[in-house]
Amino acid sequence: MVQVIPTINCMDFGCVAHKFLQLSSFLPREAWVHIDVADAKFTFNKTWSHPSELAKLLKAHAEFNFNIEVHLMIEEPEREVLEWLKIGSKRVIVHGETIWDNKFRKTKVNPEIVIKDIFKKSGEFGAEVMLATNPETRLEDFKDYLDEFNAFQVLSVRPGLSGQKFLTVALEKIRFLRAQFPNAKIEVDGGVNFETGKLAREAGADILAAGSYIFESGDPKGAFEKLEEL
């Protein structure tokens, strides 16, 4: 059975709180929830991104006892990852483009140092690190860095906005990763619905992150359970 993780992509905190309330009506305790964070630098848009507000929300609502994975679509993930770890995030998703390709950053960095720093901080909190890549990124060009990871996210839309159409180039990347890393976790994120989720599952993905399909369906619980059937 594929794992389904609801995605929260919000412009304001009220939206975040509302979606957590919706999820608490059907998600079991310690299920996973995906939080999108976009900074309008690496991405075109900006989402809500205040870990301290989320910490207060989780503390005030025992029913929101979920495992959080935070998708850092930001220019310098190593500068912000610690704040998300401090509030209890169990998985941090960082973009390879912001680590190994300096055209995405204002300040140039050594990729090996950044990767080591993120793993060190995450390890101190017992959190997992997942590597994400944009649809146009050629994984073959960065295979030496891929070997550092055992969990990958294939982004199947442009980073940032919710509700985009699934890009089928993601399927090739999933197949590549599954062939190269047969025991890795592979998550697909963006434009996931029952049809595209099935294609991603057949290509080798074992985690589906879905936002619009679940929350805009009129029946979030039913949409979530339908994806779980894949």
C-alpha atoms as a PDB file:
ATOM      1  CA  MET A   1       0.000   0.000   0.000  1.00  0.00           C
ATOM      2  CA  VAL A   2       1.280   3.455  -0.917  1.00  0.00           C
ATOM      3  CA  GLN A   3       1.695   6.065   1.826  1.00  0.00           C
ATOM      4  CA  VAL A   4      -0.374   9.222   1.338  1.00  0.00           C
ATOM      5  CA  ILE A   5       0.672  12.493   2.965  1.00  0.00           C
ATOM      6  CA  PRO A   6      -1.699  15.486   2.840  1.00  0.00           C
ATOM      7  CA  THR A   7       0.016  18.708   1.775  1.00  0.00           C
ATOM      8  CA  ILE A   8      -0.684  22.052   3.431  1.00  0.00           C
ATOM      9  CA  ASN A   9       0.176  24.916   1.079  1.00  0.00           C
ATOM     10  CA  CYS A  10      -1.133  28.140   2.618  1.00  0.00           C
ATOM     11  CA  MET A  11      -0.662  31.885   2.343  1.00  0.00           C
ATOM     12  CA  ASP A  12      -1.703  32.594   5.946  1.00  0.00           C
ATOM     13  CA  PHE A  13      -1.901  30.951   9.350  1.00  0.00           C
ATOM     14  CA  GLY A  14      -5.691  30.795   9.387  1.00  0.00           C
ATOM     15  CA  CYS A  15      -5.534  28.488   6.377  1.00  0.00           C
ATOM     16  CA  VAL A  16      -2.960  26.288   8.123  1.00  0.00           C
ATOM     17  CA  ALA A  17      -5.092  25.967  11.271  1.00  0.00           C
ATOM     18  CA  HIS A  18      -8.221  25.186   9.253  1.00  0.00           C
ATOM     19  CA  LYS A  19      -6.511  22.418   7.296  1.00  0.00           C
ATOM     20  CA  PHE A  20      -5.092  20.854  10.443  1.00  0.00           C
ATOM     21  CA  LEU A  21      -8.616  20.833  11.855  1.00  0.00           C
ATOM     22  CA  GLN A  22      -9.899  19.104   8.719  1.00  0.00           C
ATOM     23  CA  LEU A  23      -7.146  16.490   8.890  1.00  0.00           C
ATOM     24  CA  SER A  24      -7.772  15.769  12.575  1.00  0.00           C
ATOM     25  CA  SER A  25     -11.250  14.518  11.667  1.00  0.00           C
ATOM     26  CA  PHE A  26      -9.904  11.495   9.790  1.00  0.00           C
ATOM     27  CA  LEU A  27      -6.129  11.139  10.031  1.00  0.00           C
ATOM     28  CA  PRO A  28      -4.874   8.756  12.718  1.00  0.00           C
ATOM     29  CA  ARG A  29      -2.515  10.016  15.384  1.00  0.00           C
ATOM     30  CA  GLU A  30       1.104  10.170  14.220  1.00  0.00           C
ATOM     31  CA  ALA A  31       0.113  10.178  10.551  1.00  0.00           C
ATOM     32  CA  TRP A  32       2.299  12.358   8.333  1.00  0.00           C
ATOM     33  CA  VAL A  33       1.449  15.901   7.237  1.00  0.00           C
ATOM     34  CA  HIS A  34       3.450  17.857   4.653  1.00  0.00           C
ATOM     35  CA  ILE A  35       4.027  21.615   5.109  1.00  0.00           C
ATOM     36  CA  ASP A  36       5.061  23.678   2.077  1.00  0.00           C
ATOM     37  CA  VAL A  37       7.388  26.623   2.691  1.00  0.00           C
ATOM     38  CA  ALA A  38       8.130  28.922  -0.263  1.00  0.00           C
ATOM     39  CA  ASP A  39      10.192  32.105   0.047  1.00  0.00           C
ATOM     40  CA  ALA A  40       9.482  33.996  -3.224  1.00  0.00           C
ATOM     41  CA  LYS A  41      13.212  33.745  -4.016  1.00  0.00           C
ATOM     42  CA  PHE A  42      13.700  30.127  -4.980  1.00  0.00           C
ATOM     43  CA  THR A  43      10.007  30.192  -5.901  1.00  0.00           C
ATOM     44  CA  PHE A  44       7.779  32.768  -7.584  1.00  0.00           C
ATOM     45  CA  ASN A  45       5.340  32.909  -4.683  1.00  0.00           C
ATOM     46  CA  LYS A  46       5.562  33.078  -0.897  1.00  0.00           C
ATOM     47  CA  THR A  47       3.662  30.836   1.488  1.00  0.00           C
ATOM     48  CA  TRP A  48       3.031  31.066   5.215  1.00  0.00           C
ATOM     49  CA  SER A  49       6.279  30.147   6.942  1.00  0.00           C
ATOM     50  CA  HIS A  50       6.306  30.736  10.701  1.00  0.00           C
ATOM     51  CA  PRO A  51       7.420  27.678  12.688  1.00  0.00           C
ATOM     52  CA  SER A  52       6.726  29.411  16.013  1.00  0.00           C
ATOM     53  CA  GLU A  53       3.040  29.790  15.103  1.00  0.00           C
ATOM     54  CA  LEU A  54       2.836  26.134  14.156  1.00  0.00           C
ATOM     55  CA  ALA A  55       4.477  25.151  17.441  1.00  0.00           C
ATOM     56  CA  LYS A  56       1.786  27.028  19.382  1.00  0.00           C
ATOM     57  CA  LEU A  57      -0.969  25.407  17.328  1.00  0.00           C
ATOM     58  CA  LEU A  58       0.363  21.907  17.899  1.00  0.00           C
ATOM     59  CA  LYS A  59       0.818  22.522  21.617  1.00  0.00           C
ATOM     60  CA  ALA A  60      -2.744  23.816  21.969  1.00  0.00           C
ATOM     61  CA  HIS A  61      -4.362  20.890  20.139  1.00  0.00           C
ATOM     62  CA  ALA A  62      -3.516  17.379  21.271  1.00  0.00           C
ATOM     63  CA  GLU A  63      -5.554  16.037  18.347  1.00  0.00           C
ATOM     64  CA  PHE A  64      -2.960  17.505  15.960  1.00  0.00           C
ATOM     65  CA  ASN A  65      -0.433  14.898  17.039  1.00  0.00           C
ATOM     66  CA  PHE A  66       0.946  14.299  13.544  1.00  0.00           C
ATOM     67  CA  ASN A  67       4.412  13.718  12.181  1.00  0.00           C
ATOM     68  CA  ILE A  68       5.469  16.812  10.271  1.00  0.00           C
ATOM     69  CA  GLU A  69       7.588  16.892   7.154  1.00  0.00           C
ATOM     70  CA  VAL A  70       8.519  20.387   6.016  1.00  0.00           C
ATOM     71  CA  HIS A  71       9.300  21.095   2.357  1.00  0.00           C
ATOM     72  CA  LEU A  72      11.821  23.945   2.309  1.00  0.00           C
ATOM     73  CA  MET A  73      11.494  25.555  -1.117  1.00  0.00           C
ATOM     74  CA  ILE A  74      13.858  28.311  -0.039  1.00  0.00           C
ATOM     75  CA  GLU A  75      17.116  29.857  -1.191  1.00  0.00           C
ATOM     76  CA  GLU A  76      19.252  28.900   1.817  1.00  0.00           C
ATOM     77  CA  PRO A  77      17.735  25.890   3.599  1.00  0.00           C
ATOM     78  CA  GLU A  78      20.663  25.445   5.958  1.00  0.00           C
ATOM     79  CA  ARG A  79      19.808  28.818   7.556  1.00  0.00           C
ATOM     80  CA  GLU A  80      16.218  27.891   8.432  1.00  0.00           C
ATOM     81  CA  VAL A  81      16.211  24.141   8.931  1.00  0.00           C
ATOM     82  CA  LEU A  82      17.035  24.376  12.638  1.00  0.00           C
ATOM     83  CA  GLU A  83      13.909  26.391  13.468  1.00  0.00           C
ATOM     84  CA  TRP A  84      11.701  23.756  11.855  1.00  0.00           C
ATOM     85  CA  LEU A  85      13.531  20.976  13.653  1.00  0.00           C
ATOM     86  CA  LYS A  86      13.106  22.716  17.006  1.00  0.00           C
ATOM     87  CA  ILE A  87       9.314  22.600  16.705  1.00  0.00           C
ATOM     88  CA  GLY A  88       9.361  18.858  16.132  1.00  0.00           C
ATOM     89  CA  SER A  89       9.563  18.307  12.371  1.00  0.00           C
ATOM     90  CA  LYS A  90      10.431  14.658  11.770  1.00  0.00           C
ATOM     91  CA  ARG A  91      11.524  15.093   8.149  1.00  0.00           C
ATOM     92  CA  VAL A  92      13.065  18.058   6.338  1.00  0.00           C
ATOM     93  CA  ILE A  93      12.920  18.207   2.553  1.00  0.00           C
ATOM     94  CA  VAL A  94      15.626  20.342   0.949  1.00  0.00           C
ATOM     95  CA  HIS A  95      16.167  21.158  -2.713  1.00  0.00           C
ATOM     96  CA  GLY A  96      19.331  19.985  -4.376  1.00  0.00           C
ATOM     97  CA  GLU A  97      19.290  23.022  -6.640  1.00  0.00           C
ATOM     98  CA  THR A  98      19.839  25.297  -3.625  1.00  0.00           C
ATOM     99  CA  ILE A  99      22.756  23.169  -2.471  1.00  0.00           C
ATOM    100  CA  TRP A 100      24.759  22.168  -5.540  1.00  0.00           C
ATOM    101  CA  ASP A 101      23.856  24.882  -8.057  1.00  0.00           C
ATOM    102  CA  ASN A 102      24.926  28.339  -6.932  1.00  0.00           C
ATOM    103  CA  LYS A 103      22.812  30.144  -9.543  1.00  0.00           C
ATOM    104  CA  PHE A 104      19.869  29.629  -7.182  1.00  0.00           C
ATOM    105  CA  ARG A 105      21.612  31.408  -4.298  1.00  0.00           C
ATOM    106  CA  LYS A 106      22.912  34.874  -3.473  1.00  0.00           C
ATOM    107  CA  THR A 107      25.856  33.418  -1.574  1.00  0.00           C
ATOM    108  CA  LYS A 108      28.053  30.686  -3.022  1.00  0.00           C
ATOM    109  CA  VAL A 109      28.579  27.594  -0.894  1.00  0.00           C
ATOM    110  CA  ASN A 110      30.402  24.299  -0.847  1.00  0.00           C
ATOM    111  CA  PRO A 111      27.708  21.628  -1.406  1.00  0.00           C
ATOM    112  CA  GLU A 112      29.457  19.058   0.776  1.00  0.00           C
ATOM    113  CA  ILE A 113      29.574  21.482   3.712  1.00  0.00           C
ATOM    114  CA  VAL A 114      25.887  22.387   3.354  1.00  0.00           C
ATOM    115  CA  ILE A 115      24.807  18.748   3.115  1.00  0.00           C
ATOM    116  CA  LYS A 116      26.901  17.819   6.153  1.00  0.00           C
ATOM    117  CA  ASP A 117      25.462  20.747   8.140  1.00  0.00           C
ATOM    118  CA  ILE A 118      21.849  19.837   7.351  1.00  0.00           C
ATOM    119  CA  PHE A 119      22.410  16.171   8.199  1.00  0.00           C
ATOM    120  CA  LYS A 120      24.155  17.108  11.450  1.00  0.00           C
ATOM    121  CA  LYS A 121      21.346  19.386  12.601  1.00  0.00           C
ATOM    122  CA  SER A 122      18.666  16.888  11.592  1.00  0.00           C
ATOM    123  CA  GLY A 123      20.478  14.023  13.292  1.00  0.00           C
ATOM    124  CA  GLU A 124      20.550  15.941  16.565  1.00  0.00           C
ATOM    125  CA  PHE A 125      16.748  15.981  16.503  1.00  0.00           C
ATOM    126  CA  GLY A 126      16.303  12.451  15.167  1.00  0.00           C
ATOM    127  CA  ALA A 127      14.843  13.790  11.913  1.00  0.00           C
ATOM    128  CA  GLU A 128      15.170  12.434   8.393  1.00  0.00           C
ATOM    129  CA  VAL A 129      16.531  14.409   5.451  1.00  0.00           C
ATOM    130  CA  MET A 130      14.869  14.055   2.054  1.00  0.00           C
ATOM    131  CA  LEU A 131      16.352  15.477  -1.142  1.00  0.00           C
ATOM    132  CA  ALA A 132      13.965  17.242  -3.534  1.00  0.00           C
ATOM    133  CA  THR A 133      14.563  18.261  -7.137  1.00  0.00           C
ATOM    134  CA  ASN A 134      12.664  20.411  -9.603  1.00  0.00           C
ATOM    135  CA  PRO A 135      11.131  18.812 -12.726  1.00  0.00           C
ATOM    136  CA  GLU A 136      13.839  20.142 -15.070  1.00  0.00           C
ATOM    137  CA  THR A 137      16.787  19.001 -12.942  1.00  0.00           C
ATOM    138  CA  ARG A 138      18.805  16.142 -14.441  1.00  0.00           C
ATOM    139  CA  LEU A 139      19.591  13.728 -11.635  1.00  0.00           C
ATOM    140  CA  GLU A 140      22.321  12.053 -13.649  1.00  0.00           C
ATOM    141  CA  ASP A 141      24.388  15.251 -13.457  1.00  0.00           C
ATOM    142  CA  PHE A 142      24.548  15.095  -9.655  1.00  0.00           C
ATOM    143  CA  LYS A 143      24.800  11.398  -8.921  1.00  0.00           C
ATOM    144  CA  ASP A 144      27.745  11.881  -6.534  1.00  0.00           C
ATOM    145  CA  TYR A 145      25.527  13.957  -4.238  1.00  0.00           C
ATOM    146  CA  LEU A 146      22.583  11.598  -4.526  1.00  0.00           C
ATOM    147  CA  ASP A 147      24.590   8.882  -2.821  1.00  0.00           C
ATOM    148  CA  GLU A 148      24.426  10.899   0.418  1.00  0.00           C
ATOM    149  CA  PHE A 149      20.660  10.379   0.680  1.00  0.00           C
ATOM    150  CA  ASN A 150      18.254   7.474   1.150  1.00  0.00           C
ATOM    151  CA  ALA A 151      15.039   9.473   0.739  1.00  0.00           C
ATOM    152  CA  PHE A 152      14.042  11.523  -2.296  1.00  0.00           C
ATOM    153  CA  GLN A 153      11.206  13.775  -3.346  1.00  0.00           C
ATOM    154  CA  VAL A 154      10.443  14.113  -7.048  1.00  0.00           C
ATOM    155  CA  LEU A 155       8.665  17.409  -7.529  1.00  0.00           C
ATOM    156  CA  SER A 156       6.224  16.976 -10.400  1.00  0.00           C
ATOM    157  CA  VAL A 157       5.271  20.663 -10.707  1.00  0.00           C
ATOM    158  CA  ARG A 158       7.141  23.974 -10.547  1.00  0.00           C
ATOM    159  CA  PRO A 159       8.043  24.713  -6.926  1.00  0.00           C
ATOM    160  CA  GLY A 160       5.674  26.888  -4.945  1.00  0.00           C
ATOM    161  CA  LEU A 161       2.057  27.070  -6.033  1.00  0.00           C
ATOM    162  CA  SER A 162      -0.574  24.468  -5.237  1.00  0.00           C
ATOM    163  CA  GLY A 163      -3.001  23.192  -7.871  1.00  0.00           C
ATOM    164  CA  GLN A 164      -0.592  22.805 -10.795  1.00  0.00           C
ATOM    165  CA  LYS A 165      -0.766  20.103 -13.457  1.00  0.00           C
ATOM    166  CA  PHE A 166       1.366  16.981 -13.012  1.00  0.00           C
ATOM    167  CA  LEU A 167       4.447  16.955 -15.291  1.00  0.00           C
ATOM    168  CA  THR A 168       5.060  13.468 -16.654  1.00  0.00           C
ATOM    169  CA  VAL A 169       8.839  14.001 -16.776  1.00  0.00           C
ATOM    170  CA  ALA A 170       8.636  13.138 -13.078  1.00  0.00           C
ATOM    171  CA  LEU A 171       7.917   9.514 -13.958  1.00  0.00           C
ATOM    172  CA  GLU A 172      11.294   9.119 -15.648  1.00  0.00           C
ATOM    173  CA  LYS A 173      13.022  10.510 -12.573  1.00  0.00           C
ATOM    174  CA  ILE A 174      11.139   8.157 -10.280  1.00  0.00           C
ATOM    175  CA  ARG A 175      12.185   5.185 -12.412  1.00  0.00           C
ATOM    176  CA  PHE A 176      15.803   6.382 -12.398  1.00  0.00           C
ATOM    177  CA  LEU A 177      15.858   6.747  -8.615  1.00  0.00           C
ATOM    178  CA  ARG A 178      14.167   3.398  -8.014  1.00  0.00           C
ATOM    179  CA  ALA A 179      16.700   1.676 -10.262  1.00  0.00           C
ATOM    180  CA  GLN A 180      19.684   3.395  -8.643  1.00  0.00           C
ATOM    181  CA  PHE A 181      18.422   3.251  -5.046  1.00  0.00           C
ATOM    182  CA  PRO A 182      16.077   0.259  -4.734  1.00  0.00           C
ATOM    183  CA  ASN A 183      15.676   0.629  -0.945  1.00  0.00           C
ATOM    184  CA  ALA A 184      15.152   4.396  -0.863  1.00  0.00           C
ATOM    185  CA  LYS A 185      11.965   6.216   0.037  1.00  0.00           C
ATOM    186  CA  ILE A 186      10.649   8.036  -3.029  1.00  0.00           C
ATOM    187  CA  GLU A 187       7.968  10.676  -2.639  1.00  0.00           C
ATOM    188  CA  VAL A 188       6.206  12.391  -5.535  1.00  0.00           C
ATOM    189  CA  ASP A 189       4.752  15.835  -4.881  1.00  0.00           C
ATOM    190  CA  GLY A 190       2.615  18.046  -7.118  1.00  0.00           C
ATOM    191  CA  GLY A 191      -0.463  17.485  -9.252  1.00  0.00           C
ATOM    192  CA  VAL A 192      -1.152  14.171  -7.555  1.00  0.00           C
ATOM    193  CA  ASN A 193      -4.624  12.734  -8.095  1.00  0.00           C
ATOM    194  CA  PHE A 194      -5.901   9.191  -8.483  1.00  0.00           C
ATOM    195  CA  GLU A 195      -4.701   8.886 -12.093  1.00  0.00           C
ATOM    196  CA  THR A 196      -1.287  10.532 -11.717  1.00  0.00           C
ATOM    197  CA  GLY A 197      -0.781   8.870  -8.354  1.00  0.00           C
ATOM    198  CA  LYS A 198      -1.288   5.498 -10.006  1.00  0.00           C
ATOM    199  CA  LEU A 199       1.325   6.332 -12.656  1.00  0.00           C
ATOM    200  CA  ALA A 200       3.781   7.465  -9.998  1.00  0.00           C
ATOM    201  CA  ARG A 201       3.172   4.332  -7.947  1.00  0.00           C
ATOM    202  CA  GLU A 202       3.772   2.126 -10.977  1.00  0.00           C
ATOM    203  CA  ALA A 203       6.998   4.037 -11.710  1.00  0.00           C
ATOM    204  CA  GLY A 204       8.309   3.263  -8.224  1.00  0.00           C
ATOM    205  CA  ALA A 205       7.097   5.975  -5.847  1.00  0.00           C
ATOM    206  CA  ASP A 206       6.024   4.764  -2.424  1.00  0.00           C
ATOM    207  CA  ILE A 207       4.861   8.117  -0.999  1.00  0.00           C
ATOM    208  CA  LEU A 208       2.265  10.438  -2.556  1.00  0.00           C
ATOM    209  CA  ALA A 209       2.066  14.030  -1.265  1.00  0.00           C
ATOM    210  CA  ALA A 210      -1.289  15.513  -2.275  1.00  0.00           C
ATOM    211  CA  GLY A 211      -2.857  18.879  -1.505  1.00  0.00           C
ATOM    212  CA  SER A 212      -5.511  20.156  -3.910  1.00  0.00           C
ATOM    213  CA  TYR A 213      -6.850  16.676  -4.681  1.00  0.00           C
ATOM    214  CA  ILE A 214      -7.601  16.142  -0.995  1.00  0.00           C
ATOM    215  CA  PHE A 215      -8.608  19.570   0.278  1.00  0.00           C
ATOM    216  CA  GLU A 216     -10.557  20.790  -2.774  1.00  0.00           C
ATOM    217  CA  SER A 217     -12.457  17.553  -3.327  1.00  0.00           C
ATOM    218  CA  GLY A 218     -15.432  18.346  -1.101  1.00  0.00           C
ATOM    219  CA  ASP A 219     -14.662  15.104   0.736  1.00  0.00           C
ATOM    220  CA  PRO A 220     -11.069  15.230   2.029  1.00  0.00           C
ATOM    221  CA  LYS A 221     -11.405  11.923   3.899  1.00  0.00           C
ATOM    222  CA  GLY A 222     -12.765  10.129   0.824  1.00  0.00           C
ATOM    223  CA  ALA A 223     -10.089  11.560  -1.459  1.00  0.00           C
ATOM    224  CA  PHE A 224      -7.356  10.582   0.997  1.00  0.00           C
ATOM    225  CA  GLU A 225      -8.679   7.029   1.305  1.00  0.00           C
ATOM    226  CA  LYS A 226      -9.026   6.663  -2.463  1.00  0.00           C
ATOM    227  CA  LEU A 227      -5.332   7.484  -2.903  1.00  0.00           C
ATOM    228  CA  GLU A 228      -4.458   4.975  -0.212  1.00  0.00           C
ATOM    229  CA  GLU A 229      -6.028   2.255  -2.371  1.00  0.00           C
ATOM    230  CA  LEU A 230      -3.329   2.608  -5.025  1.00  0.00           C
END
